[in-house]
Amino acid sequence: MENPEIIIKLTSDEALVLSDWLEQVQMTDLSRLVGDAAVWAPLHRIAGTLDKSLSGIFAADYAERLEAARSRLRPDLGDSAIDEAGTDT
């Protein structure tokens, strides 16, 4: 069976937030969080690809950029029709 590449498209906000989260995950004990060591390779590959693609991760205002991206990605609970259980109402 062939192993075709999978392409995932992210917005710059999604990429920035995911990159930060992956960095935090990699700084923890991965073996406690991820039971199967086979998962580590793709996690490291995704993190590395994001790091190479996001020049803003080294910017002086990184924390502000990250918080702005997080704010834009969080659902606006006032405009949402999703209840606390995460299901549509």
N, C-alpha and C. Protein backbone atom coordinates (compact mmCIF):
# COMPACT_ATOMS: atom_id res chain seq x y z
N MET A 1 0.84 -1.19 0.00
CA MET A 1 0.00 0.00 0.00
C MET A 1 0.87 1.24 0.00
N GLU A 2 0.52 2.18 -0.82
CA GLU A 2 1.24 3.44 -0.89
C GLU A 2 0.95 4.29 0.34
N ASN A 3 1.90 5.13 0.70
CA ASN A 3 1.71 6.07 1.79
C ASN A 3 1.69 7.49 1.23
N PRO A 4 0.56 7.91 0.69
CA PRO A 4 0.50 9.27 0.17
C PRO A 4 0.58 10.27 1.34
N GLU A 5 1.16 11.42 1.04
CA GLU A 5 1.24 12.45 2.07
C GLU A 5 -0.15 13.01 2.34
N ILE A 6 -0.34 13.42 3.55
CA ILE A 6 -1.57 14.08 3.96
C ILE A 6 -1.24 15.56 4.14
N ILE A 7 -2.04 16.41 3.56
CA ILE A 7 -1.82 17.85 3.66
C ILE A 7 -2.92 18.44 4.53
N ILE A 8 -2.50 19.16 5.55
CA ILE A 8 -3.44 19.82 6.45
C ILE A 8 -3.24 21.32 6.30
N LYS A 9 -4.31 22.03 6.08
CA LYS A 9 -4.23 23.48 5.94
C LYS A 9 -4.74 24.13 7.23
N LEU A 10 -3.96 25.07 7.73
CA LEU A 10 -4.32 25.81 8.94
C LEU A 10 -4.26 27.30 8.64
N THR A 11 -5.07 28.06 9.33
CA THR A 11 -4.93 29.50 9.26
C THR A 11 -3.68 29.88 10.05
N SER A 12 -3.21 31.09 9.90
CA SER A 12 -2.04 31.51 10.67
C SER A 12 -2.34 31.50 12.17
N ASP A 13 -3.56 31.86 12.55
CA ASP A 13 -3.94 31.81 13.96
C ASP A 13 -3.91 30.38 14.48
N GLU A 14 -4.49 29.46 13.72
CA GLU A 14 -4.49 28.05 14.13
C GLU A 14 -3.07 27.51 14.25
N ALA A 15 -2.23 27.85 13.28
CA ALA A 15 -0.85 27.37 13.30
C ALA A 15 -0.09 27.92 14.50
N LEU A 16 -0.28 29.18 14.82
CA LEU A 16 0.42 29.78 15.95
C LEU A 16 0.00 29.15 17.27
N VAL A 17 -1.30 28.98 17.46
CA VAL A 17 -1.81 28.39 18.70
C VAL A 17 -1.39 26.92 18.81
N LEU A 18 -1.48 26.19 17.72
CA LEU A 18 -1.07 24.78 17.73
C LEU A 18 0.43 24.65 17.99
N SER A 19 1.23 25.50 17.38
CA SER A 19 2.67 25.47 17.59
C SER A 19 3.01 25.70 19.05
N ASP A 20 2.37 26.66 19.68
CA ASP A 20 2.62 26.93 21.09
C ASP A 20 2.23 25.73 21.94
N TRP A 21 1.08 25.14 21.67
CA TRP A 21 0.62 23.99 22.44
C TRP A 21 1.57 22.80 22.28
N LEU A 22 2.01 22.55 21.04
CA LEU A 22 2.94 21.45 20.80
C LEU A 22 4.25 21.68 21.53
N GLU A 23 4.71 22.91 21.58
CA GLU A 23 5.94 23.23 22.31
C GLU A 23 5.76 22.90 23.79
N GLN A 24 4.62 23.26 24.35
CA GLN A 24 4.34 22.95 25.75
C GLN A 24 4.29 21.44 25.97
N VAL A 25 3.68 20.72 25.06
CA VAL A 25 3.58 19.26 25.17
C VAL A 25 4.97 18.64 25.11
N GLN A 26 5.80 19.13 24.20
CA GLN A 26 7.14 18.57 24.06
C GLN A 26 8.02 18.85 25.27
N MET A 27 7.71 19.89 26.01
CA MET A 27 8.49 20.23 27.20
C MET A 27 8.07 19.39 28.41
N THR A 28 6.98 18.67 28.28
CA THR A 28 6.52 17.80 29.36
C THR A 28 7.06 16.40 29.13
N ASP A 29 6.72 15.50 29.98
CA ASP A 29 7.10 14.11 29.82
C ASP A 29 6.12 13.48 28.82
N LEU A 30 6.53 13.41 27.55
CA LEU A 30 5.64 12.90 26.50
C LEU A 30 5.15 11.49 26.80
N SER A 31 5.96 10.69 27.44
CA SER A 31 5.55 9.31 27.70
C SER A 31 4.36 9.24 28.65
N ARG A 32 4.18 10.24 29.50
CA ARG A 32 3.00 10.27 30.37
C ARG A 32 1.77 10.70 29.61
N LEU A 33 1.94 11.62 28.68
CA LEU A 33 0.81 12.17 27.93
C LEU A 33 0.43 11.28 26.74
N VAL A 34 1.43 10.76 26.07
CA VAL A 34 1.21 9.96 24.86
C VAL A 34 1.77 8.57 25.12
N GLY A 35 0.88 7.60 25.29
CA GLY A 35 1.29 6.25 25.64
C GLY A 35 2.01 5.48 24.56
N ASP A 36 1.76 5.82 23.31
CA ASP A 36 2.37 5.10 22.19
C ASP A 36 3.48 5.94 21.59
N ALA A 37 4.72 5.47 21.71
CA ALA A 37 5.88 6.22 21.22
C ALA A 37 5.82 6.46 19.71
N ALA A 38 5.03 5.69 18.99
CA ALA A 38 4.89 5.90 17.54
C ALA A 38 4.24 7.25 17.23
N VAL A 39 3.52 7.79 18.17
CA VAL A 39 2.85 9.08 17.97
C VAL A 39 3.84 10.23 18.06
N TRP A 40 4.95 10.03 18.72
CA TRP A 40 5.92 11.11 18.92
C TRP A 40 6.50 11.61 17.61
N ALA A 41 6.81 10.72 16.68
CA ALA A 41 7.41 11.14 15.41
C ALA A 41 6.52 12.13 14.66
N PRO A 42 5.23 11.83 14.47
CA PRO A 42 4.42 12.82 13.76
C PRO A 42 4.24 14.11 14.56
N LEU A 43 4.18 14.02 15.89
CA LEU A 43 4.08 15.23 16.69
C LEU A 43 5.30 16.12 16.50
N HIS A 44 6.48 15.51 16.54
CA HIS A 44 7.72 16.28 16.34
C HIS A 44 7.79 16.85 14.93
N ARG A 45 7.31 16.09 13.95
CA ARG A 45 7.34 16.57 12.56
C ARG A 45 6.41 17.76 12.38
N ILE A 46 5.22 17.68 12.94
CA ILE A 46 4.28 18.80 12.85
C ILE A 46 4.86 20.03 13.55
N ALA A 47 5.40 19.83 14.74
CA ALA A 47 5.97 20.95 15.50
C ALA A 47 7.12 21.59 14.72
N GLY A 48 7.99 20.77 14.15
CA GLY A 48 9.11 21.30 13.38
C GLY A 48 8.67 22.06 12.15
N THR A 49 7.67 21.54 11.47
CA THR A 49 7.15 22.21 10.28
C THR A 49 6.54 23.56 10.65
N LEU A 50 5.79 23.60 11.75
CA LEU A 50 5.21 24.86 12.20
C LEU A 50 6.29 25.85 12.59
N ASP A 51 7.29 25.39 13.32
CA ASP A 51 8.38 26.29 13.74
C ASP A 51 9.08 26.92 12.55
N LYS A 52 9.29 26.13 11.49
CA LYS A 52 9.95 26.66 10.29
C LYS A 52 9.06 27.63 9.52
N SER A 53 7.76 27.43 9.62
CA SER A 53 6.81 28.23 8.84
C SER A 53 6.38 29.52 9.53
N LEU A 54 6.53 29.59 10.84
CA LEU A 54 6.04 30.73 11.60
C LEU A 54 7.19 31.62 12.06
N SER A 55 7.47 32.65 11.30
CA SER A 55 8.55 33.56 11.67
C SER A 55 8.21 34.34 12.94
N GLY A 56 6.94 34.51 13.23
CA GLY A 56 6.50 35.30 14.38
C GLY A 56 6.80 34.67 15.73
N ILE A 57 7.21 33.40 15.76
CA ILE A 57 7.45 32.77 17.06
C ILE A 57 8.69 33.34 17.74
N PHE A 58 9.51 34.06 17.00
CA PHE A 58 10.70 34.67 17.57
C PHE A 58 10.56 36.19 17.72
N ALA A 59 9.38 36.71 17.44
CA ALA A 59 9.15 38.16 17.52
C ALA A 59 9.07 38.61 18.99
N ALA A 60 9.45 39.83 19.21
CA ALA A 60 9.43 40.40 20.57
C ALA A 60 8.02 40.43 21.13
N ASP A 61 7.02 40.57 20.26
CA ASP A 61 5.63 40.65 20.71
C ASP A 61 4.90 39.31 20.55
N TYR A 62 5.65 38.21 20.62
CA TYR A 62 5.08 36.87 20.45
C TYR A 62 3.90 36.62 21.38
N ALA A 63 4.05 36.95 22.65
CA ALA A 63 2.99 36.68 23.63
C ALA A 63 1.70 37.41 23.25
N GLU A 64 1.83 38.63 22.79
CA GLU A 64 0.65 39.39 22.37
C GLU A 64 0.02 38.80 21.12
N ARG A 65 0.86 38.40 20.17
CA ARG A 65 0.35 37.77 18.94
C ARG A 65 -0.38 36.47 19.26
N LEU A 66 0.21 35.69 20.16
CA LEU A 66 -0.39 34.41 20.55
C LEU A 66 -1.74 34.63 21.23
N GLU A 67 -1.80 35.55 22.16
CA GLU A 67 -3.07 35.81 22.86
C GLU A 67 -4.13 36.34 21.90
N ALA A 68 -3.73 37.18 20.95
CA ALA A 68 -4.68 37.70 19.96
C ALA A 68 -5.21 36.54 19.10
N ALA A 69 -4.33 35.63 18.69
CA ALA A 69 -4.75 34.48 17.89
C ALA A 69 -5.70 33.60 18.70
N ARG A 70 -5.37 33.35 19.96
CA ARG A 70 -6.25 32.55 20.82
C ARG A 70 -7.62 33.20 20.94
N SER A 71 -7.64 34.50 21.12
CA SER A 71 -8.92 35.21 21.26
C SER A 71 -9.77 35.07 20.00
N ARG A 72 -9.13 35.16 18.85
CA ARG A 72 -9.88 35.05 17.59
C ARG A 72 -10.41 33.63 17.38
N LEU A 73 -9.71 32.64 17.91
CA LEU A 73 -10.12 31.24 17.70
C LEU A 73 -11.15 30.75 18.72
N ARG A 74 -11.20 31.39 19.86
CA ARG A 74 -12.17 30.96 20.88
C ARG A 74 -13.58 31.27 20.38
N PRO A 75 -14.49 30.33 20.58
CA PRO A 75 -15.87 30.61 20.17
C PRO A 75 -16.45 31.74 20.99
N ASP A 76 -17.20 32.60 20.34
CA ASP A 76 -17.89 33.69 21.02
C ASP A 76 -19.15 33.10 21.63
N LEU A 77 -19.13 32.85 22.91
CA LEU A 77 -20.23 32.15 23.56
C LEU A 77 -21.55 32.92 23.47
N GLY A 78 -21.47 34.22 23.32
CA GLY A 78 -22.70 35.01 23.19
C GLY A 78 -23.40 34.78 21.87
N ASP A 79 -22.64 34.45 20.84
CA ASP A 79 -23.22 34.25 19.51
C ASP A 79 -23.41 32.78 19.17
N SER A 80 -23.05 31.90 20.07
CA SER A 80 -23.08 30.48 19.77
C SER A 80 -24.37 29.82 20.20
N ALA A 81 -24.78 28.84 19.44
CA ALA A 81 -25.97 28.05 19.80
C ALA A 81 -25.54 26.69 20.33
N ILE A 82 -24.37 26.66 20.98
CA ILE A 82 -23.86 25.40 21.53
C ILE A 82 -23.98 25.46 23.04
N ASP A 83 -24.56 24.42 23.62
CA ASP A 83 -24.73 24.41 25.08
C ASP A 83 -23.44 23.97 25.76
N GLU A 84 -23.43 23.90 27.09
CA GLU A 84 -22.23 23.59 27.85
C GLU A 84 -21.70 22.20 27.57
N ALA A 85 -22.53 21.28 27.14
CA ALA A 85 -22.08 19.93 26.82
C ALA A 85 -21.42 19.87 25.45
N GLY A 86 -21.45 20.98 24.70
CA GLY A 86 -20.82 21.03 23.39
C GLY A 86 -21.71 20.55 22.27
N THR A 87 -23.01 20.44 22.52
CA THR A 87 -23.92 20.00 21.48
C THR A 87 -24.77 21.16 21.01
N ASP A 88 -25.18 21.09 19.77
CA ASP A 88 -26.04 22.14 19.22
C ASP A 88 -27.39 22.12 19.92
N THR A 89 -27.90 23.32 20.19
CA THR A 89 -29.23 23.41 20.82
C THR A 89 -30.26 23.87 19.83
